[in-house]
Amino acid sequence: MRPQRSAIWAAFLAVAALVAVGAGSARAADVIKFGISTPLSGPAAPWGIPHKQATELIFDEINAQGGLDLGGKKYKLEVVAYDHKYVIAEGVATVNRLIAKDGVHYISILGGAVVKANEEAVNEGRVLNLPLAYADGLVSTKNPLTFHSFPSPPETTTFWKWIKQNHPGLKRVATISPNDDTGWWSIKVETGFVQKLGYETVAKEFFERTMTDFNPVLLRILAQKPDIISVLASPAGSVGLIIKQDQHRLRQSGLRLRRRGEEGAERRCEEGRRRPQRRRIRESLGESPLRREGLLRHRQSDHLPDAVLRGEGRGRDPRRSTPPAS
């Protein structure tokens, strides 16, 4: 349970540090309000709902212990959340409501395009912003109160070094990502990184977050005969649709799909192989740069990080540098 909370803890500690300097806004009621603008409905809800619930979970634990201790005084923590449906106009409206009506001074916004649209409101309102999002220029000197609360593409792309070292036969990369600030920056950063490693980028595809039929996109990608398909910042729901709709075609092309998901975990449980599988993955990932730098976090099932669909025509599992024991 603790590893999946690490990003929330890191964000909250930053909030606590700022509150310790000046908690005037919370002094009257001894309550610190934390605003959340996130998609609780629509195609990005699989990200937005856990965003809200994870924050509430941490706050409930702190409140159960009497609240947050700042300078010898206890403060209760309160989440004020609104659904922006991953629509920019809704995102701007919810953030303005949080600042002007609810009086929050600490906020977390999900979605690169939505965060970019709120840069002015956050800066003018002097609000500490800890977004679950990334976009080009989002964290910069022009946004002095905006900080990443989880790894962004410059950090996550370092995993490609591990792929190159352990699977040198993979050469051709195709990418698919949302058609917005998050997707554009993700592809820009990853493409530059993999090309420096010697990979050939054979396809770049963008899709609207409301898209449900990925067959045309996949047909264009597979026509370029990639060895690897990277889904970058694609939402989990979209990745699931990509796999579900075109499993047969992808298999015919010789690609093996690998992703984080419950199906693999359930299968390992049924086969009684869960513990050996976790041990093999740990051994294979032992020297990965993300693990060494403390950026790779595993739950008990020890799955690989998000955002990569890896393909390999030789039938070996890309998560292991050696074939599993028979």
C-alpha atoms as a PDB file:
ATOM      1  CA  MET A   1       0.000   0.000   0.000  1.00  0.00           C
ATOM      2  CA  ARG A   2       2.764   2.476   0.879  1.00  0.00           C
ATOM      3  CA  PRO A   3       4.515   2.608  -2.539  1.00  0.00           C
ATOM      4  CA  GLN A   4       1.370   3.742  -4.360  1.00  0.00           C
ATOM      5  CA  ARG A   5       1.002   6.604  -1.880  1.00  0.00           C
ATOM      6  CA  SER A   6       4.506   7.950  -2.341  1.00  0.00           C
ATOM      7  CA  ALA A   7       3.544  10.595  -4.919  1.00  0.00           C
ATOM      8  CA  ILE A   8       0.691  11.849  -2.750  1.00  0.00           C
ATOM      9  CA  TRP A   9       2.988  11.986   0.281  1.00  0.00           C
ATOM     10  CA  ALA A  10       5.619  13.925  -1.642  1.00  0.00           C
ATOM     11  CA  ALA A  11       2.984  16.416  -2.789  1.00  0.00           C
ATOM     12  CA  PHE A  12       1.481  16.765   0.639  1.00  0.00           C
ATOM     13  CA  LEU A  13       4.805  17.328   2.354  1.00  0.00           C
ATOM     14  CA  ALA A  14       5.385  20.250   0.017  1.00  0.00           C
ATOM     15  CA  VAL A  15       1.997  21.638   1.026  1.00  0.00           C
ATOM     16  CA  ALA A  16       2.792  21.159   4.694  1.00  0.00           C
ATOM     17  CA  ALA A  17       6.073  23.003   4.350  1.00  0.00           C
ATOM     18  CA  LEU A  18       4.343  26.031   2.833  1.00  0.00           C
ATOM     19  CA  VAL A  19       1.587  25.956   5.433  1.00  0.00           C
ATOM     20  CA  ALA A  20       4.206  25.914   8.189  1.00  0.00           C
ATOM     21  CA  VAL A  21       5.519  29.243   6.920  1.00  0.00           C
ATOM     22  CA  GLY A  22       2.137  30.919   6.870  1.00  0.00           C
ATOM     23  CA  ALA A  23      -1.109  29.196   7.779  1.00  0.00           C
ATOM     24  CA  GLY A  24      -3.192  32.356   8.022  1.00  0.00           C
ATOM     25  CA  SER A  25      -5.847  31.101   5.630  1.00  0.00           C
ATOM     26  CA  ALA A  26      -6.534  28.079   7.821  1.00  0.00           C
ATOM     27  CA  ARG A  27      -6.142  29.737  11.231  1.00  0.00           C
ATOM     28  CA  ALA A  28      -9.791  30.686  11.847  1.00  0.00           C
ATOM     29  CA  ALA A  29     -11.340  27.262  11.425  1.00  0.00           C
ATOM     30  CA  ASP A  30      -8.208  25.174  11.976  1.00  0.00           C
ATOM     31  CA  VAL A  31      -8.956  23.457   8.667  1.00  0.00           C
ATOM     32  CA  ILE A  32      -6.690  23.267   5.629  1.00  0.00           C
ATOM     33  CA  LYS A  33      -8.625  22.920   2.386  1.00  0.00           C
ATOM     34  CA  PHE A  34      -6.993  21.093  -0.523  1.00  0.00           C
ATOM     35  CA  GLY A  35      -8.649  21.566  -3.909  1.00  0.00           C
ATOM     36  CA  ILE A  36      -8.833  18.872  -6.564  1.00  0.00           C
ATOM     37  CA  SER A  37      -9.895  19.522 -10.156  1.00  0.00           C
ATOM     38  CA  THR A  38      -9.977  16.178 -11.900  1.00  0.00           C
ATOM     39  CA  PRO A  39     -12.040  14.078 -14.344  1.00  0.00           C
ATOM     40  CA  LEU A  40     -14.547  12.100 -12.285  1.00  0.00           C
ATOM     41  CA  SER A  41     -16.531  11.237 -15.406  1.00  0.00           C
ATOM     42  CA  GLY A  42     -15.731  10.826 -19.090  1.00  0.00           C
ATOM     43  CA  PRO A  43     -12.833   8.984 -20.763  1.00  0.00           C
ATOM     44  CA  ALA A  44     -10.199  10.077 -18.227  1.00  0.00           C
ATOM     45  CA  ALA A  45     -12.218   9.079 -15.145  1.00  0.00           C
ATOM     46  CA  PRO A  46     -10.044   5.960 -14.553  1.00  0.00           C
ATOM     47  CA  TRP A  47      -7.301   8.427 -13.617  1.00  0.00           C
ATOM     48  CA  GLY A  48      -9.411  11.106 -11.947  1.00  0.00           C
ATOM     49  CA  ILE A  49     -11.327   8.893  -9.528  1.00  0.00           C
ATOM     50  CA  PRO A  50      -8.162   7.344  -7.988  1.00  0.00           C
ATOM     51  CA  HIS A  51      -6.634  10.850  -7.903  1.00  0.00           C
ATOM     52  CA  LYS A  52      -9.448  12.045  -5.617  1.00  0.00           C
ATOM     53  CA  GLN A  53      -9.768   8.846  -3.593  1.00  0.00           C
ATOM     54  CA  ALA A  54      -6.024   8.473  -2.927  1.00  0.00           C
ATOM     55  CA  THR A  55      -5.847  12.025  -1.574  1.00  0.00           C
ATOM     56  CA  GLU A  56      -8.899  11.428   0.608  1.00  0.00           C
ATOM     57  CA  LEU A  57      -7.376   8.183   1.892  1.00  0.00           C
ATOM     58  CA  ILE A  58      -4.208   9.929   3.058  1.00  0.00           C
ATOM     59  CA  PHE A  59      -6.141  12.828   4.578  1.00  0.00           C
ATOM     60  CA  ASP A  60      -8.462  10.445   6.436  1.00  0.00           C
ATOM     61  CA  GLU A  61      -5.456   8.685   7.967  1.00  0.00           C
ATOM     62  CA  ILE A  62      -3.933  11.985   9.081  1.00  0.00           C
ATOM     63  CA  ASN A  63      -7.230  13.281  10.465  1.00  0.00           C
ATOM     64  CA  ALA A  64      -7.754  10.017  12.365  1.00  0.00           C
ATOM     65  CA  GLN A  65      -4.492  10.769  14.193  1.00  0.00           C
ATOM     66  CA  GLY A  66      -5.733  14.195  15.226  1.00  0.00           C
ATOM     67  CA  GLY A  67      -4.771  16.121  12.126  1.00  0.00           C
ATOM     68  CA  LEU A  68      -1.601  17.654  10.725  1.00  0.00           C
ATOM     69  CA  ASP A  69       0.757  18.988  13.392  1.00  0.00           C
ATOM     70  CA  LEU A  70       2.184  22.370  12.427  1.00  0.00           C
ATOM     71  CA  GLY A  71       4.115  24.243  15.079  1.00  0.00           C
ATOM     72  CA  GLY A  72       2.420  22.316  17.864  1.00  0.00           C
ATOM     73  CA  LYS A  73      -1.094  22.943  16.535  1.00  0.00           C
ATOM     74  CA  LYS A  74      -3.340  20.379  14.846  1.00  0.00           C
ATOM     75  CA  TYR A  75      -5.093  21.123  11.567  1.00  0.00           C
ATOM     76  CA  LYS A  76      -7.805  19.018   9.985  1.00  0.00           C
ATOM     77  CA  LEU A  77      -7.421  18.359   6.246  1.00  0.00           C
ATOM     78  CA  GLU A  78     -10.365  18.699   3.900  1.00  0.00           C
ATOM     79  CA  VAL A  79     -10.643  17.745   0.224  1.00  0.00           C
ATOM     80  CA  VAL A  80     -12.783  19.953  -2.011  1.00  0.00           C
ATOM     81  CA  ALA A  81     -13.118  18.197  -5.387  1.00  0.00           C
ATOM     82  CA  TYR A  82     -14.830  19.038  -8.666  1.00  0.00           C
ATOM     83  CA  ASP A  83     -15.261  17.083 -11.887  1.00  0.00           C
ATOM     84  CA  HIS A  84     -13.808  18.769 -14.985  1.00  0.00           C
ATOM     85  CA  LYS A  85     -14.501  15.768 -17.291  1.00  0.00           C
ATOM     86  CA  TYR A  86     -11.131  16.479 -18.969  1.00  0.00           C
ATOM     87  CA  VAL A  87     -12.787  19.437 -20.714  1.00  0.00           C
ATOM     88  CA  ILE A  88     -10.664  22.609 -20.674  1.00  0.00           C
ATOM     89  CA  ALA A  89     -13.595  24.976 -20.099  1.00  0.00           C
ATOM     90  CA  GLU A  90     -14.802  22.857 -17.193  1.00  0.00           C
ATOM     91  CA  GLY A  91     -11.273  22.754 -15.812  1.00  0.00           C
ATOM     92  CA  VAL A  92     -10.990  26.536 -15.831  1.00  0.00           C
ATOM     93  CA  ALA A  93     -14.414  26.894 -14.191  1.00  0.00           C
ATOM     94  CA  THR A  94     -13.639  24.398 -11.417  1.00  0.00           C
ATOM     95  CA  VAL A  95     -10.263  25.929 -10.594  1.00  0.00           C
ATOM     96  CA  ASN A  96     -11.759  29.435 -10.471  1.00  0.00           C
ATOM     97  CA  ARG A  97     -14.474  28.112  -8.147  1.00  0.00           C
ATOM     98  CA  LEU A  98     -11.915  26.462  -5.876  1.00  0.00           C
ATOM     99  CA  ILE A  99      -9.875  29.663  -5.593  1.00  0.00           C
ATOM    100  CA  ALA A 100     -12.605  32.320  -5.521  1.00  0.00           C
ATOM    101  CA  LYS A 101     -15.493  30.522  -3.792  1.00  0.00           C
ATOM    102  CA  ASP A 102     -13.896  27.807  -1.682  1.00  0.00           C
ATOM    103  CA  GLY A 103     -10.820  29.811  -0.765  1.00  0.00           C
ATOM    104  CA  VAL A 104      -8.269  27.045  -1.319  1.00  0.00           C
ATOM    105  CA  HIS A 105      -4.574  27.872  -1.427  1.00  0.00           C
ATOM    106  CA  TYR A 106      -3.360  24.372  -2.320  1.00  0.00           C
ATOM    107  CA  ILE A 107      -4.595  22.525  -5.365  1.00  0.00           C
ATOM    108  CA  SER A 108      -3.992  19.488  -7.561  1.00  0.00           C
ATOM    109  CA  ILE A 109      -5.185  19.443 -11.172  1.00  0.00           C
ATOM    110  CA  LEU A 110      -5.143  16.379 -13.418  1.00  0.00           C
ATOM    111  CA  GLY A 111      -4.474  16.734 -17.144  1.00  0.00           C
ATOM    112  CA  GLY A 112      -1.785  18.655 -18.984  1.00  0.00           C
ATOM    113  CA  ALA A 113      -4.141  20.677 -21.189  1.00  0.00           C
ATOM    114  CA  VAL A 114      -6.275  21.642 -18.192  1.00  0.00           C
ATOM    115  CA  VAL A 115      -3.288  22.650 -16.080  1.00  0.00           C
ATOM    116  CA  LYS A 116      -1.873  24.772 -18.908  1.00  0.00           C
ATOM    117  CA  ALA A 117      -5.216  26.559 -19.243  1.00  0.00           C
ATOM    118  CA  ASN A 118      -5.103  27.440 -15.533  1.00  0.00           C
ATOM    119  CA  GLU A 119      -1.564  28.803 -15.362  1.00  0.00           C
ATOM    120  CA  GLU A 120      -2.723  32.414 -15.074  1.00  0.00           C
ATOM    121  CA  ALA A 121      -5.357  31.680 -12.412  1.00  0.00           C
ATOM    122  CA  VAL A 122      -2.878  29.710 -10.304  1.00  0.00           C
ATOM    123  CA  ASN A 123      -0.142  32.339 -10.554  1.00  0.00           C
ATOM    124  CA  GLU A 124      -2.430  35.311  -9.870  1.00  0.00           C
ATOM    125  CA  GLY A 125      -4.108  33.535  -6.961  1.00  0.00           C
ATOM    126  CA  ARG A 126      -0.751  32.576  -5.413  1.00  0.00           C
ATOM    127  CA  VAL A 127      -1.945  28.976  -5.197  1.00  0.00           C
ATOM    128  CA  LEU A 128       0.452  26.073  -4.687  1.00  0.00           C
ATOM    129  CA  ASN A 129      -0.279  23.709  -7.579  1.00  0.00           C
ATOM    130  CA  LEU A 130       0.746  20.035  -7.407  1.00  0.00           C
ATOM    131  CA  PRO A 131      -0.661  18.671 -10.677  1.00  0.00           C
ATOM    132  CA  LEU A 132      -0.955  15.086 -11.793  1.00  0.00           C
ATOM    133  CA  ALA A 133      -0.055  16.152 -15.300  1.00  0.00           C
ATOM    134  CA  TYR A 134       2.761  17.164 -17.558  1.00  0.00           C
ATOM    135  CA  ALA A 135       3.146  19.421 -20.549  1.00  0.00           C
ATOM    136  CA  ASP A 136       5.936  21.392 -22.180  1.00  0.00           C
ATOM    137  CA  GLY A 137       6.902  24.363 -19.994  1.00  0.00           C
ATOM    138  CA  LEU A 138       4.415  23.520 -17.258  1.00  0.00           C
ATOM    139  CA  VAL A 139       7.038  23.438 -14.504  1.00  0.00           C
ATOM    140  CA  SER A 140       9.226  26.458 -15.171  1.00  0.00           C
ATOM    141  CA  THR A 141      10.247  29.844 -13.809  1.00  0.00           C
ATOM    142  CA  LYS A 142       7.056  31.401 -15.185  1.00  0.00           C
ATOM    143  CA  ASN A 143       5.036  29.094 -12.898  1.00  0.00           C
ATOM    144  CA  PRO A 144       6.918  29.417  -9.585  1.00  0.00           C
ATOM    145  CA  LEU A 145       4.215  27.668  -7.513  1.00  0.00           C
ATOM    146  CA  THR A 146       3.697  24.646  -9.801  1.00  0.00           C
ATOM    147  CA  PHE A 147       5.613  21.451  -9.037  1.00  0.00           C
ATOM    148  CA  HIS A 148       5.450  17.927 -10.450  1.00  0.00           C
ATOM    149  CA  SER A 149       4.246  15.428  -7.871  1.00  0.00           C
ATOM    150  CA  PHE A 150       5.206  12.352  -9.912  1.00  0.00           C
ATOM    151  CA  PRO A 151       7.771  11.427 -12.589  1.00  0.00           C
ATOM    152  CA  SER A 152       7.324  13.101 -15.981  1.00  0.00           C
ATOM    153  CA  PRO A 153       8.691  12.077 -19.421  1.00  0.00           C
ATOM    154  CA  PRO A 154      12.277  13.282 -18.829  1.00  0.00           C
ATOM    155  CA  GLU A 155      12.443  10.780 -15.953  1.00  0.00           C
ATOM    156  CA  THR A 156      10.303   7.915 -17.248  1.00  0.00           C
ATOM    157  CA  THR A 157      12.006   7.737 -20.648  1.00  0.00           C
ATOM    158  CA  THR A 158      15.233   6.604 -18.973  1.00  0.00           C
ATOM    159  CA  PHE A 159      13.649   3.140 -18.870  1.00  0.00           C
ATOM    160  CA  TRP A 160      14.490   2.839 -22.576  1.00  0.00           C
ATOM    161  CA  LYS A 161      18.111   2.330 -21.609  1.00  0.00           C
ATOM    162  CA  TRP A 162      17.090  -0.868 -19.850  1.00  0.00           C
ATOM    163  CA  ILE A 163      15.093  -2.032 -22.877  1.00  0.00           C
ATOM    164  CA  LYS A 164      18.034  -1.407 -25.190  1.00  0.00           C
ATOM    165  CA  GLN A 165      20.435  -3.260 -22.923  1.00  0.00           C
ATOM    166  CA  ASN A 166      18.206  -6.288 -22.350  1.00  0.00           C
ATOM    167  CA  HIS A 167      16.527  -6.479 -25.779  1.00  0.00           C
ATOM    168  CA  PRO A 168      19.016  -5.173 -28.355  1.00  0.00           C
ATOM    169  CA  GLY A 169      17.119  -6.794 -31.232  1.00  0.00           C
ATOM    170  CA  LEU A 170      14.268  -4.291 -30.966  1.00  0.00           C
ATOM    171  CA  LYS A 171      14.969  -1.395 -33.333  1.00  0.00           C
ATOM    172  CA  ARG A 172      11.753   0.153 -34.714  1.00  0.00           C
ATOM    173  CA  VAL A 173       9.494   2.223 -32.448  1.00  0.00           C
ATOM    174  CA  ALA A 174       5.927   3.435 -33.017  1.00  0.00           C
ATOM    175  CA  THR A 175       4.172   5.809 -30.628  1.00  0.00           C
ATOM    176  CA  ILE A 176       0.530   6.596 -29.912  1.00  0.00           C
ATOM    177  CA  SER A 177      -0.569   9.305 -27.515  1.00  0.00           C
ATOM    178  CA  PRO A 178      -3.447  11.725 -26.782  1.00  0.00           C
ATOM    179  CA  ASN A 179      -3.824  14.740 -29.046  1.00  0.00           C
ATOM    180  CA  ASP A 180      -3.237  17.421 -26.388  1.00  0.00           C
ATOM    181  CA  ASP A 181      -0.445  19.112 -24.436  1.00  0.00           C
ATOM    182  CA  THR A 182       0.293  15.962 -22.466  1.00  0.00           C
ATOM    183  CA  GLY A 183       0.544  13.762 -25.546  1.00  0.00           C
ATOM    184  CA  TRP A 184       2.507  16.254 -27.637  1.00  0.00           C
ATOM    185  CA  TRP A 185       5.183  16.753 -24.985  1.00  0.00           C
ATOM    186  CA  SER A 186       5.354  13.035 -24.193  1.00  0.00           C
ATOM    187  CA  ILE A 187       6.060  12.100 -27.802  1.00  0.00           C
ATOM    188  CA  LYS A 188       8.508  14.988 -28.251  1.00  0.00           C
ATOM    189  CA  VAL A 189      10.568  13.957 -25.214  1.00  0.00           C
ATOM    190  CA  GLU A 190      10.442  10.219 -25.829  1.00  0.00           C
ATOM    191  CA  THR A 191      11.211  10.480 -29.550  1.00  0.00           C
ATOM    192  CA  GLY A 192      14.296  12.581 -28.884  1.00  0.00           C
ATOM    193  CA  PHE A 193      15.489  10.176 -26.209  1.00  0.00           C
ATOM    194  CA  VAL A 194      15.033   6.929 -28.157  1.00  0.00           C
ATOM    195  CA  GLN A 195      16.607   8.337 -31.305  1.00  0.00           C
ATOM    196  CA  LYS A 196      19.744   9.211 -29.340  1.00  0.00           C
ATOM    197  CA  LEU A 197      19.828   5.557 -28.267  1.00  0.00           C
ATOM    198  CA  GLY A 198      19.762   4.470 -31.902  1.00  0.00           C
ATOM    199  CA  TYR A 199      16.103   3.533 -32.319  1.00  0.00           C
ATOM    200  CA  GLU A 200      14.227   4.320 -35.515  1.00  0.00           C
ATOM    201  CA  THR A 201      10.869   6.069 -35.028  1.00  0.00           C
ATOM    202  CA  VAL A 202       8.600   4.615 -37.721  1.00  0.00           C
ATOM    203  CA  ALA A 203       5.211   6.070 -36.707  1.00  0.00           C
ATOM    204  CA  LYS A 204       3.701   8.796 -34.527  1.00  0.00           C
ATOM    205  CA  GLU A 205      -0.047   8.806 -33.981  1.00  0.00           C
ATOM    206  CA  PHE A 206      -2.289  11.091 -31.924  1.00  0.00           C
ATOM    207  CA  PHE A 207      -5.883  10.413 -30.910  1.00  0.00           C
ATOM    208  CA  GLU A 208      -8.692  12.356 -29.271  1.00  0.00           C
ATOM    209  CA  ARG A 209      -9.396  11.239 -25.713  1.00  0.00           C
ATOM    210  CA  THR A 210     -12.997  10.497 -26.655  1.00  0.00           C
ATOM    211  CA  MET A 211     -11.920   7.998 -29.344  1.00  0.00           C
ATOM    212  CA  THR A 212     -13.226   4.454 -28.933  1.00  0.00           C
ATOM    213  CA  ASP A 213     -12.353   2.913 -32.329  1.00  0.00           C
ATOM    214  CA  PHE A 214      -8.575   2.540 -32.633  1.00  0.00           C
ATOM    215  CA  ASN A 215      -8.537   0.169 -35.606  1.00  0.00           C
ATOM    216  CA  PRO A 216      -7.638   2.820 -38.239  1.00  0.00           C
ATOM    217  CA  VAL A 217      -4.786   4.113 -36.072  1.00  0.00           C
ATOM    218  CA  LEU A 218      -3.440   0.623 -35.418  1.00  0.00           C
ATOM    219  CA  LEU A 219      -3.623  -0.305 -39.091  1.00  0.00           C
ATOM    220  CA  ARG A 220      -1.441   2.681 -39.965  1.00  0.00           C
ATOM    221  CA  ILE A 221       1.015   1.827 -37.184  1.00  0.00           C
ATOM    222  CA  LEU A 222       1.276  -1.872 -38.009  1.00  0.00           C
ATOM    223  CA  ALA A 223       1.825  -1.088 -41.696  1.00  0.00           C
ATOM    224  CA  GLN A 224       5.195   0.366 -40.632  1.00  0.00           C
ATOM    225  CA  LYS A 225       6.206  -2.956 -38.995  1.00  0.00           C
ATOM    226  CA  PRO A 226       7.302  -1.647 -35.582  1.00  0.00           C
ATOM    227  CA  ASP A 227       9.110  -3.799 -33.043  1.00  0.00           C
ATOM    228  CA  ILE A 228       7.726  -1.757 -30.144  1.00  0.00           C
ATOM    229  CA  ILE A 229       4.514   0.223 -29.673  1.00  0.00           C
ATOM    230  CA  SER A 230       4.729   2.836 -26.927  1.00  0.00           C
ATOM    231  CA  VAL A 231       1.439   4.200 -25.604  1.00  0.00           C
ATOM    232  CA  LEU A 232       3.138   6.965 -23.614  1.00  0.00           C
ATOM    233  CA  ALA A 233       0.539   9.056 -21.747  1.00  0.00           C
ATOM    234  CA  SER A 234      -2.509   7.222 -23.059  1.00  0.00           C
ATOM    235  CA  PRO A 235      -5.208   6.654 -20.415  1.00  0.00           C
ATOM    236  CA  ALA A 236      -5.643   3.133 -19.109  1.00  0.00           C
ATOM    237  CA  GLY A 237      -9.113   2.918 -20.661  1.00  0.00           C
ATOM    238  CA  SER A 238      -7.762   3.796 -24.108  1.00  0.00           C
ATOM    239  CA  VAL A 239      -4.933   1.268 -23.782  1.00  0.00           C
ATOM    240  CA  GLY A 240      -7.486  -1.387 -22.869  1.00  0.00           C
ATOM    241  CA  LEU A 241      -9.521  -0.574 -25.973  1.00  0.00           C
ATOM    242  CA  ILE A 242      -6.417  -0.741 -28.176  1.00  0.00           C
ATOM    243  CA  ILE A 243      -5.667  -4.242 -26.929  1.00  0.00           C
ATOM    244  CA  LYS A 244      -9.250  -5.486 -26.909  1.00  0.00           C
ATOM    245  CA  GLN A 245     -10.160  -4.241 -30.378  1.00  0.00           C
ATOM    246  CA  ASP A 246      -7.081  -5.364 -32.229  1.00  0.00           C
ATOM    247  CA  GLN A 247      -5.598  -8.285 -30.332  1.00  0.00           C
ATOM    248  CA  HIS A 248      -5.920 -10.636 -33.290  1.00  0.00           C
ATOM    249  CA  ARG A 249      -4.354  -8.225 -35.774  1.00  0.00           C
ATOM    250  CA  LEU A 250      -1.471  -7.443 -33.425  1.00  0.00           C
ATOM    251  CA  ARG A 251      -0.773 -11.119 -32.885  1.00  0.00           C
ATOM    252  CA  GLN A 252      -0.787 -11.741 -36.625  1.00  0.00           C
ATOM    253  CA  SER A 253       1.822  -9.002 -37.005  1.00  0.00           C
ATOM    254  CA  GLY A 254       4.118 -10.863 -34.579  1.00  0.00           C
ATOM    255  CA  LEU A 255       3.857  -8.382 -31.717  1.00  0.00           C
ATOM    256  CA  ARG A 256       3.569  -9.576 -28.129  1.00  0.00           C
ATOM    257  CA  LEU A 257       1.576  -7.186 -25.919  1.00  0.00           C
ATOM    258  CA  ARG A 258       2.782  -6.474 -22.411  1.00  0.00           C
ATOM    259  CA  ARG A 259       0.989  -4.143 -20.037  1.00  0.00           C
ATOM    260  CA  ARG A 260       0.071  -3.652 -16.413  1.00  0.00           C
ATOM    261  CA  GLY A 261      -3.280  -5.277 -15.769  1.00  0.00           C
ATOM    262  CA  GLU A 262      -5.362  -7.539 -13.652  1.00  0.00           C
ATOM    263  CA  GLU A 263      -5.647 -10.298 -16.234  1.00  0.00           C
ATOM    264  CA  GLY A 264      -2.003 -11.317 -15.966  1.00  0.00           C
ATOM    265  CA  ALA A 265      -2.117 -11.242 -12.186  1.00  0.00           C
ATOM    266  CA  GLU A 266      -5.254 -13.386 -12.119  1.00  0.00           C
ATOM    267  CA  ARG A 267      -3.716 -15.884 -14.523  1.00  0.00           C
ATOM    268  CA  ARG A 268      -0.594 -16.223 -12.406  1.00  0.00           C
ATOM    269  CA  CYS A 269      -2.733 -16.758  -9.323  1.00  0.00           C
ATOM    270  CA  GLU A 270      -4.721 -19.467 -11.061  1.00  0.00           C
ATOM    271  CA  GLU A 271      -1.566 -21.220 -12.186  1.00  0.00           C
ATOM    272  CA  GLY A 272      -0.013 -20.984  -8.726  1.00  0.00           C
ATOM    273  CA  ARG A 273       2.985 -19.081 -10.118  1.00  0.00           C
ATOM    274  CA  ARG A 274       2.572 -15.644  -8.554  1.00  0.00           C
ATOM    275  CA  ARG A 275       5.594 -15.707  -6.253  1.00  0.00           C
ATOM    276  CA  PRO A 276       8.085 -17.181  -8.776  1.00  0.00           C
ATOM    277  CA  GLN A 277       6.874 -14.656 -11.360  1.00  0.00           C
ATOM    278  CA  ARG A 278       7.437 -11.715  -9.006  1.00  0.00           C
ATOM    279  CA  ARG A 279      10.907 -12.994  -8.162  1.00  0.00           C
ATOM    280  CA  ARG A 280      11.882 -13.275 -11.841  1.00  0.00           C
ATOM    281  CA  ILE A 281      10.642  -9.749 -12.572  1.00  0.00           C
ATOM    282  CA  ARG A 282      12.533  -8.366  -9.574  1.00  0.00           C
ATOM    283  CA  GLU A 283      15.721 -10.073 -10.725  1.00  0.00           C
ATOM    284  CA  SER A 284      15.282  -8.747 -14.271  1.00  0.00           C
ATOM    285  CA  LEU A 285      14.616  -5.185 -13.095  1.00  0.00           C
ATOM    286  CA  GLY A 286      17.372  -5.200 -10.502  1.00  0.00           C
ATOM    287  CA  GLU A 287      19.670  -2.895 -12.477  1.00  0.00           C
ATOM    288  CA  SER A 288      17.097  -0.768 -14.272  1.00  0.00           C
ATOM    289  CA  PRO A 289      17.816   2.974 -14.023  1.00  0.00           C
ATOM    290  CA  LEU A 290      14.339   3.743 -12.671  1.00  0.00           C
ATOM    291  CA  ARG A 291      14.722   1.275  -9.816  1.00  0.00           C
ATOM    292  CA  ARG A 292      18.268   2.428  -9.076  1.00  0.00           C
ATOM    293  CA  GLU A 293      17.179   6.073  -8.931  1.00  0.00           C
ATOM    294  CA  GLY A 294      14.177   5.291  -6.788  1.00  0.00           C
ATOM    295  CA  LEU A 295      11.683   6.355  -9.476  1.00  0.00           C
ATOM    296  CA  LEU A 296      10.188   2.932 -10.129  1.00  0.00           C
ATOM    297  CA  ARG A 297       7.568   1.918  -7.594  1.00  0.00           C
ATOM    298  CA  HIS A 298       6.018  -1.525  -7.451  1.00  0.00           C
ATOM    299  CA  ARG A 299       2.927  -2.840  -5.829  1.00  0.00           C
ATOM    300  CA  GLN A 300       2.977  -6.409  -4.517  1.00  0.00           C
ATOM    301  CA  SER A 301       2.389  -7.804  -8.004  1.00  0.00           C
ATOM    302  CA  ASP A 302       5.593  -6.051  -9.209  1.00  0.00           C
ATOM    303  CA  HIS A 303       4.280  -5.117 -12.625  1.00  0.00           C
ATOM    304  CA  LEU A 304       6.209  -2.847 -14.948  1.00  0.00           C
ATOM    305  CA  PRO A 305       5.494   0.914 -15.065  1.00  0.00           C
ATOM    306  CA  ASP A 306       2.760   2.420 -17.226  1.00  0.00           C
ATOM    307  CA  ALA A 307       2.920   3.809 -20.700  1.00  0.00           C
ATOM    308  CA  VAL A 308       4.636   1.096 -22.670  1.00  0.00           C
ATOM    309  CA  LEU A 309       3.240  -1.621 -24.892  1.00  0.00           C
ATOM    310  CA  ARG A 310       6.227  -3.665 -25.847  1.00  0.00           C
ATOM    311  CA  GLY A 311       6.306  -6.005 -28.824  1.00  0.00           C
ATOM    312  CA  GLU A 312       8.590  -8.838 -29.666  1.00  0.00           C
ATOM    313  CA  GLY A 313       8.214 -11.415 -32.405  1.00  0.00           C
ATOM    314  CA  ARG A 314      10.426 -14.059 -30.858  1.00  0.00           C
ATOM    315  CA  GLY A 315       7.893 -15.007 -28.175  1.00  0.00           C
ATOM    316  CA  ARG A 316      10.012 -14.001 -25.179  1.00  0.00           C
ATOM    317  CA  ASP A 317       8.588 -11.841 -22.409  1.00  0.00           C
ATOM    318  CA  PRO A 318      10.236  -8.376 -22.566  1.00  0.00           C
ATOM    319  CA  ARG A 319      10.004  -8.112 -18.779  1.00  0.00           C
ATOM    320  CA  ARG A 320      12.633 -10.834 -18.393  1.00  0.00           C
ATOM    321  CA  SER A 321      16.155 -10.882 -19.616  1.00  0.00           C
ATOM    322  CA  THR A 322      16.126 -14.695 -19.464  1.00  0.00           C
ATOM    323  CA  PRO A 323      13.337 -17.141 -20.336  1.00  0.00           C
ATOM    324  CA  PRO A 324      11.246 -18.384 -17.385  1.00  0.00           C
ATOM    325  CA  ALA A 325      12.193 -21.676 -15.829  1.00  0.00           C
ATOM    326  CA  SER A 326      10.158 -24.531 -17.142  1.00  0.00           C
END
